[in-house]
Amino acid sequence: MWDFLQSLDPLYVLSGVLVGGLVGFTGVGGGSLMTPLLILLFHIHPATAVGTDLIYASITKTGGSIVHGYNRTVDWRLVGRLALGSLPATALTIVLLYWLKIDSNTTKLLVTRTLGVALLFTAASLLFRKPLLRWYDAHIGEPDPQLVFRLTVITGAVLGVLVTLSSVGAGAIGVVALVMLYPKMESRRIVGSDIAHAVPLTLVAGIGHSILGSIDWHILASLLAGSIPAIMVMSMVAARTSDTAVRVALATILVVVCIRFWFF
């Protein structure tokens, strides 16, 4: 045990604490913050950063899912709908990456630039959620349940592809889509459901990357040592925090991620 603790890198542990805490509180940060952090700050090869982050996210978000599930802030029916699209798409993408030997760097750049715009608009929608909902009720009303079901499955499929290619999207795009598809759902339930769905998604994608040999297990251990306790603590905080506070915190994180995508 002592030898294991000595082998941990304090900077990676601290990074795990910061990102794990953000994921637990907002549902965002696993890929959209950790992968850029590994690449820009620690100069990890992009392929290794993506693979390591996927396994890191799956284990970290398991702890967050347990806490959110205990506090009943997970809509498991919604998680199932997302997984119905994401898991087959993830498996297919891994097979194509292995078969075609596709370089994902260009794809990742396009994805992150697109995300920057989407996150900015989503942050605004979160900050001005109440007037937007009043307008939505007055002009649109209740969405068709069958249409919402189909769009949720399609969203899951898109997440499966993007997360496998770049490790970005399980939190960022997931939260964006759920806010738009389920405008009346509480922010804490959106966060909890998104975290729960990210567990099988990132696990399947991470296993695929491990087959391709793009995971640094030493870095992974250090990140998890900090992130697991952090995400569990912050998940409990989020479950007991007002919906407005979670919404404002989520919007703030999305703006920060947006700036990172576009200017760094």
C-alpha atoms as a PDB file:
ATOM      1  CA  MET A   1       0.000   0.000   0.000  1.00  0.00           C
ATOM      2  CA  TRP A   2       2.800   2.402   0.931  1.00  0.00           C
ATOM      3  CA  ASP A   3       4.665   1.564  -2.286  1.00  0.00           C
ATOM      4  CA  PHE A   4       1.509   2.329  -4.263  1.00  0.00           C
ATOM      5  CA  LEU A   5       1.090   5.725  -2.568  1.00  0.00           C
ATOM      6  CA  GLN A   6       4.735   6.583  -3.215  1.00  0.00           C
ATOM      7  CA  SER A   7       4.317   5.779  -6.905  1.00  0.00           C
ATOM      8  CA  LEU A   8       1.537   8.353  -7.325  1.00  0.00           C
ATOM      9  CA  ASP A   9       2.383  11.637  -9.022  1.00  0.00           C
ATOM     10  CA  PRO A  10       1.065  14.578  -6.908  1.00  0.00           C
ATOM     11  CA  LEU A  11       0.329  16.761  -9.948  1.00  0.00           C
ATOM     12  CA  TYR A  12      -1.797  14.065 -11.570  1.00  0.00           C
ATOM     13  CA  VAL A  13      -3.557  13.429  -8.251  1.00  0.00           C
ATOM     14  CA  LEU A  14      -4.352  17.162  -7.962  1.00  0.00           C
ATOM     15  CA  SER A  15      -5.636  17.186 -11.545  1.00  0.00           C
ATOM     16  CA  GLY A  16      -7.890  14.252 -10.657  1.00  0.00           C
ATOM     17  CA  VAL A  17      -9.252  16.120  -7.630  1.00  0.00           C
ATOM     18  CA  LEU A  18     -10.068  19.257  -9.641  1.00  0.00           C
ATOM     19  CA  VAL A  19     -11.656  17.516 -12.621  1.00  0.00           C
ATOM     20  CA  GLY A  20     -13.418  14.869 -10.518  1.00  0.00           C
ATOM     21  CA  GLY A  21     -14.948  17.594  -8.353  1.00  0.00           C
ATOM     22  CA  LEU A  22     -16.213  19.473 -11.403  1.00  0.00           C
ATOM     23  CA  VAL A  23     -17.682  16.312 -12.930  1.00  0.00           C
ATOM     24  CA  GLY A  24     -19.470  15.446  -9.696  1.00  0.00           C
ATOM     25  CA  PHE A  25     -21.007  18.901  -9.372  1.00  0.00           C
ATOM     26  CA  THR A  26     -21.819  19.710 -13.018  1.00  0.00           C
ATOM     27  CA  GLY A  27     -21.536  16.500 -15.054  1.00  0.00           C
ATOM     28  CA  VAL A  28     -19.003  18.235 -17.341  1.00  0.00           C
ATOM     29  CA  GLY A  29     -15.227  17.979 -17.379  1.00  0.00           C
ATOM     30  CA  GLY A  30     -14.277  14.357 -17.927  1.00  0.00           C
ATOM     31  CA  GLY A  31     -13.094  14.607 -21.523  1.00  0.00           C
ATOM     32  CA  SER A  32     -13.604  18.301 -22.237  1.00  0.00           C
ATOM     33  CA  LEU A  33     -11.200  19.310 -19.448  1.00  0.00           C
ATOM     34  CA  MET A  34      -9.042  16.276 -18.614  1.00  0.00           C
ATOM     35  CA  THR A  35      -7.917  15.433 -22.152  1.00  0.00           C
ATOM     36  CA  PRO A  36      -6.771  19.007 -22.940  1.00  0.00           C
ATOM     37  CA  LEU A  37      -5.089  19.119 -19.522  1.00  0.00           C
ATOM     38  CA  LEU A  38      -3.091  15.968 -20.253  1.00  0.00           C
ATOM     39  CA  ILE A  39      -2.093  17.195 -23.692  1.00  0.00           C
ATOM     40  CA  LEU A  40      -1.351  20.874 -22.996  1.00  0.00           C
ATOM     41  CA  LEU A  41      -0.005  20.792 -19.441  1.00  0.00           C
ATOM     42  CA  PHE A  42       1.609  17.355 -19.226  1.00  0.00           C
ATOM     43  CA  HIS A  43       2.469  16.990 -22.949  1.00  0.00           C
ATOM     44  CA  ILE A  44       0.955  13.502 -23.201  1.00  0.00           C
ATOM     45  CA  HIS A  45       0.553  12.111 -26.724  1.00  0.00           C
ATOM     46  CA  PRO A  46      -3.033  12.843 -27.891  1.00  0.00           C
ATOM     47  CA  ALA A  47      -3.875   9.176 -28.545  1.00  0.00           C
ATOM     48  CA  THR A  48      -2.621   8.176 -25.086  1.00  0.00           C
ATOM     49  CA  ALA A  49      -4.448  11.107 -23.472  1.00  0.00           C
ATOM     50  CA  VAL A  50      -7.748  10.066 -25.084  1.00  0.00           C
ATOM     51  CA  GLY A  51      -7.418   6.382 -24.151  1.00  0.00           C
ATOM     52  CA  THR A  52      -6.299   7.095 -20.579  1.00  0.00           C
ATOM     53  CA  ASP A  53      -9.040   9.667 -20.064  1.00  0.00           C
ATOM     54  CA  LEU A  54     -11.755   7.260 -21.227  1.00  0.00           C
ATOM     55  CA  ILE A  55     -10.872   4.611 -18.627  1.00  0.00           C
ATOM     56  CA  TYR A  56     -10.384   7.367 -16.035  1.00  0.00           C
ATOM     57  CA  ALA A  57     -13.844   8.766 -16.811  1.00  0.00           C
ATOM     58  CA  SER A  58     -15.576   5.384 -16.624  1.00  0.00           C
ATOM     59  CA  ILE A  59     -14.149   4.582 -13.185  1.00  0.00           C
ATOM     60  CA  THR A  60     -14.524   8.104 -11.810  1.00  0.00           C
ATOM     61  CA  LYS A  61     -18.116   8.483 -12.970  1.00  0.00           C
ATOM     62  CA  THR A  62     -19.033   5.121 -11.451  1.00  0.00           C
ATOM     63  CA  GLY A  63     -18.461   6.718  -8.039  1.00  0.00           C
ATOM     64  CA  GLY A  64     -20.518   9.736  -9.034  1.00  0.00           C
ATOM     65  CA  SER A  65     -23.309   7.526 -10.384  1.00  0.00           C
ATOM     66  CA  ILE A  66     -23.539   5.612  -7.107  1.00  0.00           C
ATOM     67  CA  VAL A  67     -24.004   8.843  -5.168  1.00  0.00           C
ATOM     68  CA  HIS A  68     -26.475  10.333  -7.664  1.00  0.00           C
ATOM     69  CA  GLY A  69     -28.397   7.043  -7.739  1.00  0.00           C
ATOM     70  CA  TYR A  70     -28.596   6.970  -3.943  1.00  0.00           C
ATOM     71  CA  ASN A  71     -29.930  10.529  -3.942  1.00  0.00           C
ATOM     72  CA  ARG A  72     -32.424   9.663  -6.698  1.00  0.00           C
ATOM     73  CA  THR A  73     -31.037  12.238  -9.091  1.00  0.00           C
ATOM     74  CA  VAL A  74     -30.714   9.779 -12.000  1.00  0.00           C
ATOM     75  CA  ASP A  75     -33.454   9.134 -14.556  1.00  0.00           C
ATOM     76  CA  TRP A  76     -32.608   5.513 -15.466  1.00  0.00           C
ATOM     77  CA  ARG A  77     -35.126   5.415 -18.308  1.00  0.00           C
ATOM     78  CA  LEU A  78     -33.300   8.329 -19.899  1.00  0.00           C
ATOM     79  CA  VAL A  79     -29.939   6.598 -19.343  1.00  0.00           C
ATOM     80  CA  GLY A  80     -31.274   3.512 -21.122  1.00  0.00           C
ATOM     81  CA  ARG A  81     -32.422   5.554 -24.115  1.00  0.00           C
ATOM     82  CA  LEU A  82     -28.999   7.168 -24.499  1.00  0.00           C
ATOM     83  CA  ALA A  83     -27.185   3.835 -24.110  1.00  0.00           C
ATOM     84  CA  LEU A  84     -29.440   2.277 -26.765  1.00  0.00           C
ATOM     85  CA  GLY A  85     -27.753   4.549 -29.291  1.00  0.00           C
ATOM     86  CA  SER A  86     -24.301   5.103 -27.801  1.00  0.00           C
ATOM     87  CA  LEU A  87     -23.064   1.573 -27.100  1.00  0.00           C
ATOM     88  CA  PRO A  88     -23.546   0.157 -30.631  1.00  0.00           C
ATOM     89  CA  ALA A  89     -22.099   3.347 -32.150  1.00  0.00           C
ATOM     90  CA  THR A  90     -19.065   3.150 -29.849  1.00  0.00           C
ATOM     91  CA  ALA A  91     -18.378  -0.485 -30.718  1.00  0.00           C
ATOM     92  CA  LEU A  92     -18.728   0.235 -34.439  1.00  0.00           C
ATOM     93  CA  THR A  93     -16.363   3.231 -34.227  1.00  0.00           C
ATOM     94  CA  ILE A  94     -13.703   1.167 -32.439  1.00  0.00           C
ATOM     95  CA  VAL A  95     -13.936  -1.504 -35.125  1.00  0.00           C
ATOM     96  CA  LEU A  96     -13.579   1.125 -37.858  1.00  0.00           C
ATOM     97  CA  LEU A  97     -10.601   2.758 -36.110  1.00  0.00           C
ATOM     98  CA  TYR A  98      -8.877  -0.611 -35.860  1.00  0.00           C
ATOM     99  CA  TRP A  99      -9.717  -1.652 -39.414  1.00  0.00           C
ATOM    100  CA  LEU A 100      -9.066   1.644 -41.243  1.00  0.00           C
ATOM    101  CA  LYS A 101      -6.241   2.976 -38.998  1.00  0.00           C
ATOM    102  CA  ILE A 102      -7.903   6.404 -38.998  1.00  0.00           C
ATOM    103  CA  ASP A 103      -5.968   9.394 -37.628  1.00  0.00           C
ATOM    104  CA  SER A 104      -8.432  11.121 -35.291  1.00  0.00           C
ATOM    105  CA  ASN A 105      -6.471  14.362 -34.739  1.00  0.00           C
ATOM    106  CA  THR A 106      -8.241  16.296 -37.518  1.00  0.00           C
ATOM    107  CA  THR A 107     -11.621  14.934 -36.468  1.00  0.00           C
ATOM    108  CA  LYS A 108     -10.937  15.922 -32.868  1.00  0.00           C
ATOM    109  CA  LEU A 109     -10.058  19.488 -33.893  1.00  0.00           C
ATOM    110  CA  LEU A 110     -13.322  19.876 -35.826  1.00  0.00           C
ATOM    111  CA  VAL A 111     -15.327  18.388 -32.970  1.00  0.00           C
ATOM    112  CA  THR A 112     -13.859  20.708 -30.349  1.00  0.00           C
ATOM    113  CA  ARG A 113     -14.389  23.816 -32.491  1.00  0.00           C
ATOM    114  CA  THR A 114     -18.026  22.850 -33.047  1.00  0.00           C
ATOM    115  CA  LEU A 115     -18.416  22.151 -29.350  1.00  0.00           C
ATOM    116  CA  GLY A 116     -17.170  25.640 -28.540  1.00  0.00           C
ATOM    117  CA  VAL A 117     -20.154  27.216 -30.295  1.00  0.00           C
ATOM    118  CA  ALA A 118     -22.651  24.699 -28.881  1.00  0.00           C
ATOM    119  CA  LEU A 119     -21.423  25.151 -25.326  1.00  0.00           C
ATOM    120  CA  LEU A 120     -21.646  28.943 -25.522  1.00  0.00           C
ATOM    121  CA  PHE A 121     -25.293  28.841 -26.596  1.00  0.00           C
ATOM    122  CA  THR A 122     -26.050  26.199 -23.973  1.00  0.00           C
ATOM    123  CA  ALA A 123     -24.480  28.276 -21.199  1.00  0.00           C
ATOM    124  CA  ALA A 124     -26.736  31.171 -22.211  1.00  0.00           C
ATOM    125  CA  SER A 125     -29.786  28.896 -22.211  1.00  0.00           C
ATOM    126  CA  LEU A 126     -28.946  27.688 -18.705  1.00  0.00           C
ATOM    127  CA  LEU A 127     -28.465  31.210 -17.336  1.00  0.00           C
ATOM    128  CA  PHE A 128     -31.741  32.395 -18.880  1.00  0.00           C
ATOM    129  CA  ARG A 129     -33.612  29.147 -18.380  1.00  0.00           C
ATOM    130  CA  LYS A 130     -36.777  30.507 -16.710  1.00  0.00           C
ATOM    131  CA  PRO A 131     -37.699  33.111 -19.366  1.00  0.00           C
ATOM    132  CA  LEU A 132     -36.824  30.604 -22.087  1.00  0.00           C
ATOM    133  CA  LEU A 133     -39.128  28.008 -20.513  1.00  0.00           C
ATOM    134  CA  ARG A 134     -41.952  30.553 -20.313  1.00  0.00           C
ATOM    135  CA  TRP A 135     -41.486  31.295 -24.015  1.00  0.00           C
ATOM    136  CA  TYR A 136     -41.285  27.557 -24.780  1.00  0.00           C
ATOM    137  CA  ASP A 137     -44.573  26.854 -22.978  1.00  0.00           C
ATOM    138  CA  ALA A 138     -46.318  29.759 -24.724  1.00  0.00           C
ATOM    139  CA  HIS A 139     -45.148  28.991 -28.289  1.00  0.00           C
ATOM    140  CA  ILE A 140     -44.267  25.273 -28.470  1.00  0.00           C
ATOM    141  CA  GLY A 141     -45.703  23.395 -25.514  1.00  0.00           C
ATOM    142  CA  GLU A 142     -45.063  19.746 -24.708  1.00  0.00           C
ATOM    143  CA  PRO A 143     -42.778  17.987 -27.249  1.00  0.00           C
ATOM    144  CA  ASP A 144     -43.973  14.794 -28.894  1.00  0.00           C
ATOM    145  CA  PRO A 145     -42.808  11.898 -26.640  1.00  0.00           C
ATOM    146  CA  GLN A 146     -42.012   9.617 -29.587  1.00  0.00           C
ATOM    147  CA  LEU A 147     -39.921  12.329 -31.232  1.00  0.00           C
ATOM    148  CA  VAL A 148     -38.048  12.956 -27.985  1.00  0.00           C
ATOM    149  CA  PHE A 149     -37.384   9.209 -27.667  1.00  0.00           C
ATOM    150  CA  ARG A 150     -35.928   8.980 -31.186  1.00  0.00           C
ATOM    151  CA  LEU A 151     -33.830  12.117 -30.758  1.00  0.00           C
ATOM    152  CA  THR A 152     -32.483  10.810 -27.439  1.00  0.00           C
ATOM    153  CA  VAL A 153     -31.339   7.545 -29.071  1.00  0.00           C
ATOM    154  CA  ILE A 154     -29.764   9.516 -31.950  1.00  0.00           C
ATOM    155  CA  THR A 155     -28.013  11.754 -29.422  1.00  0.00           C
ATOM    156  CA  GLY A 156     -26.595   8.654 -27.750  1.00  0.00           C
ATOM    157  CA  ALA A 157     -25.261   7.407 -31.101  1.00  0.00           C
ATOM    158  CA  VAL A 158     -23.585  10.755 -31.822  1.00  0.00           C
ATOM    159  CA  LEU A 159     -22.017  10.710 -28.354  1.00  0.00           C
ATOM    160  CA  GLY A 160     -20.705   7.202 -28.968  1.00  0.00           C
ATOM    161  CA  VAL A 161     -18.839   8.278 -32.089  1.00  0.00           C
ATOM    162  CA  LEU A 162     -17.485  11.571 -30.730  1.00  0.00           C
ATOM    163  CA  VAL A 163     -16.387  10.183 -27.363  1.00  0.00           C
ATOM    164  CA  THR A 164     -14.572   7.279 -28.994  1.00  0.00           C
ATOM    165  CA  LEU A 165     -12.707   9.600 -31.353  1.00  0.00           C
ATOM    166  CA  SER A 166     -11.795  12.394 -28.933  1.00  0.00           C
ATOM    167  CA  SER A 167     -12.983  11.453 -25.388  1.00  0.00           C
ATOM    168  CA  VAL A 168     -14.926  14.748 -25.519  1.00  0.00           C
ATOM    169  CA  GLY A 169     -18.707  14.823 -25.405  1.00  0.00           C
ATOM    170  CA  ALA A 170     -19.949  12.440 -22.712  1.00  0.00           C
ATOM    171  CA  GLY A 171     -20.494  15.388 -20.363  1.00  0.00           C
ATOM    172  CA  ALA A 172     -20.435  18.457 -22.587  1.00  0.00           C
ATOM    173  CA  ILE A 173     -22.643  17.360 -25.487  1.00  0.00           C
ATOM    174  CA  GLY A 174     -24.686  15.084 -23.250  1.00  0.00           C
ATOM    175  CA  VAL A 175     -25.728  17.935 -20.989  1.00  0.00           C
ATOM    176  CA  VAL A 176     -26.416  20.172 -24.003  1.00  0.00           C
ATOM    177  CA  ALA A 177     -28.711  17.600 -25.575  1.00  0.00           C
ATOM    178  CA  LEU A 178     -30.572  16.739 -22.383  1.00  0.00           C
ATOM    179  CA  VAL A 179     -31.246  20.389 -21.584  1.00  0.00           C
ATOM    180  CA  MET A 180     -32.731  20.865 -25.060  1.00  0.00           C
ATOM    181  CA  LEU A 181     -34.696  17.604 -25.177  1.00  0.00           C
ATOM    182  CA  TYR A 182     -35.928  17.714 -21.572  1.00  0.00           C
ATOM    183  CA  PRO A 183     -36.292  21.434 -20.785  1.00  0.00           C
ATOM    184  CA  LYS A 184     -38.400  20.857 -17.681  1.00  0.00           C
ATOM    185  CA  MET A 185     -36.058  18.365 -16.036  1.00  0.00           C
ATOM    186  CA  GLU A 186     -34.140  19.642 -13.008  1.00  0.00           C
ATOM    187  CA  SER A 187     -30.478  20.433 -13.610  1.00  0.00           C
ATOM    188  CA  ARG A 188     -29.376  18.015 -10.883  1.00  0.00           C
ATOM    189  CA  ARG A 189     -31.246  15.148 -12.598  1.00  0.00           C
ATOM    190  CA  ILE A 190     -29.727  16.087 -15.949  1.00  0.00           C
ATOM    191  CA  VAL A 191     -26.269  16.008 -14.350  1.00  0.00           C
ATOM    192  CA  GLY A 192     -26.919  12.700 -12.575  1.00  0.00           C
ATOM    193  CA  SER A 193     -28.379  11.011 -15.661  1.00  0.00           C
ATOM    194  CA  ASP A 194     -25.538  12.237 -17.865  1.00  0.00           C
ATOM    195  CA  ILE A 195     -22.907  10.927 -15.422  1.00  0.00           C
ATOM    196  CA  ALA A 196     -24.639   7.537 -15.190  1.00  0.00           C
ATOM    197  CA  HIS A 197     -24.802   7.195 -18.987  1.00  0.00           C
ATOM    198  CA  ALA A 198     -21.119   8.124 -19.332  1.00  0.00           C
ATOM    199  CA  VAL A 199     -20.061   5.043 -17.323  1.00  0.00           C
ATOM    200  CA  PRO A 200     -20.882   2.327 -19.906  1.00  0.00           C
ATOM    201  CA  LEU A 201     -20.099   4.658 -22.806  1.00  0.00           C
ATOM    202  CA  THR A 202     -16.559   5.535 -21.706  1.00  0.00           C
ATOM    203  CA  LEU A 203     -15.919   1.994 -20.455  1.00  0.00           C
ATOM    204  CA  VAL A 204     -16.663   0.430 -23.854  1.00  0.00           C
ATOM    205  CA  ALA A 205     -14.653   3.121 -25.662  1.00  0.00           C
ATOM    206  CA  GLY A 206     -11.792   2.793 -23.157  1.00  0.00           C
ATOM    207  CA  ILE A 207     -11.635  -0.983 -23.552  1.00  0.00           C
ATOM    208  CA  GLY A 208     -11.417  -0.436 -27.296  1.00  0.00           C
ATOM    209  CA  HIS A 209      -8.513   1.988 -26.872  1.00  0.00           C
ATOM    210  CA  SER A 210      -6.773  -0.425 -24.506  1.00  0.00           C
ATOM    211  CA  ILE A 211      -6.850  -2.999 -27.302  1.00  0.00           C
ATOM    212  CA  LEU A 212      -5.239  -0.383 -29.544  1.00  0.00           C
ATOM    213  CA  GLY A 213      -2.560   0.127 -26.851  1.00  0.00           C
ATOM    214  CA  SER A 214      -3.204   3.799 -26.033  1.00  0.00           C
ATOM    215  CA  ILE A 215      -3.479   3.889 -22.222  1.00  0.00           C
ATOM    216  CA  ASP A 216      -0.894   4.994 -19.618  1.00  0.00           C
ATOM    217  CA  TRP A 217      -1.787   2.966 -16.516  1.00  0.00           C
ATOM    218  CA  HIS A 218       0.571   4.874 -14.168  1.00  0.00           C
ATOM    219  CA  ILE A 219      -1.047   8.211 -15.020  1.00  0.00           C
ATOM    220  CA  LEU A 220      -4.474   6.594 -14.732  1.00  0.00           C
ATOM    221  CA  ALA A 221      -3.789   5.396 -11.170  1.00  0.00           C
ATOM    222  CA  SER A 222      -2.664   8.863 -10.044  1.00  0.00           C
ATOM    223  CA  LEU A 223      -5.699  10.567 -11.597  1.00  0.00           C
ATOM    224  CA  LEU A 224      -8.107   8.115  -9.978  1.00  0.00           C
ATOM    225  CA  ALA A 225      -6.506   8.529  -6.545  1.00  0.00           C
ATOM    226  CA  GLY A 226      -7.635  12.154  -6.591  1.00  0.00           C
ATOM    227  CA  SER A 227     -10.818  12.016  -8.618  1.00  0.00           C
ATOM    228  CA  ILE A 228     -12.794   9.199  -6.973  1.00  0.00           C
ATOM    229  CA  PRO A 229     -13.116  10.854  -3.532  1.00  0.00           C
ATOM    230  CA  ALA A 230     -13.616  14.278  -5.178  1.00  0.00           C
ATOM    231  CA  ILE A 231     -16.481  13.197  -7.455  1.00  0.00           C
ATOM    232  CA  MET A 232     -18.286  11.398  -4.631  1.00  0.00           C
ATOM    233  CA  VAL A 233     -18.075  14.414  -2.322  1.00  0.00           C
ATOM    234  CA  MET A 234     -19.155  16.899  -5.005  1.00  0.00           C
ATOM    235  CA  SER A 235     -21.977  14.597  -6.187  1.00  0.00           C
ATOM    236  CA  MET A 236     -23.393  14.738  -2.653  1.00  0.00           C
ATOM    237  CA  VAL A 237     -23.018  18.532  -2.655  1.00  0.00           C
ATOM    238  CA  ALA A 238     -24.804  18.813  -6.024  1.00  0.00           C
ATOM    239  CA  ALA A 239     -27.691  16.627  -4.843  1.00  0.00           C
ATOM    240  CA  ARG A 240     -28.262  18.967  -1.895  1.00  0.00           C
ATOM    241  CA  THR A 241     -27.689  22.251  -3.702  1.00  0.00           C
ATOM    242  CA  SER A 242     -30.444  24.424  -5.163  1.00  0.00           C
ATOM    243  CA  ASP A 243     -31.276  23.931  -8.826  1.00  0.00           C
ATOM    244  CA  THR A 244     -30.286  27.526  -9.565  1.00  0.00           C
ATOM    245  CA  ALA A 245     -26.799  27.099  -8.081  1.00  0.00           C
ATOM    246  CA  VAL A 246     -26.161  23.928 -10.087  1.00  0.00           C
ATOM    247  CA  ARG A 247     -27.429  25.622 -13.237  1.00  0.00           C
ATOM    248  CA  VAL A 248     -25.188  28.683 -12.813  1.00  0.00           C
ATOM    249  CA  ALA A 249     -22.155  26.515 -11.993  1.00  0.00           C
ATOM    250  CA  LEU A 250     -22.836  24.370 -15.056  1.00  0.00           C
ATOM    251  CA  ALA A 251     -23.123  27.439 -17.313  1.00  0.00           C
ATOM    252  CA  THR A 252     -19.843  28.809 -15.939  1.00  0.00           C
ATOM    253  CA  ILE A 253     -17.998  25.551 -16.640  1.00  0.00           C
ATOM    254  CA  LEU A 254     -19.397  25.416 -20.182  1.00  0.00           C
ATOM    255  CA  VAL A 255     -18.133  28.941 -20.901  1.00  0.00           C
ATOM    256  CA  VAL A 256     -14.663  28.042 -19.610  1.00  0.00           C
ATOM    257  CA  VAL A 257     -14.574  24.918 -21.778  1.00  0.00           C
ATOM    258  CA  CYS A 258     -15.772  26.959 -24.756  1.00  0.00           C
ATOM    259  CA  ILE A 259     -12.897  29.440 -24.311  1.00  0.00           C
ATOM    260  CA  ARG A 260     -10.439  26.548 -24.070  1.00  0.00           C
ATOM    261  CA  PHE A 261     -11.705  25.032 -27.321  1.00  0.00           C
ATOM    262  CA  TRP A 262     -11.463  28.228 -29.322  1.00  0.00           C
ATOM    263  CA  PHE A 263      -8.425  30.088 -28.012  1.00  0.00           C
ATOM    264  CA  PHE A 264      -5.948  27.450 -26.765  1.00  0.00           C
END
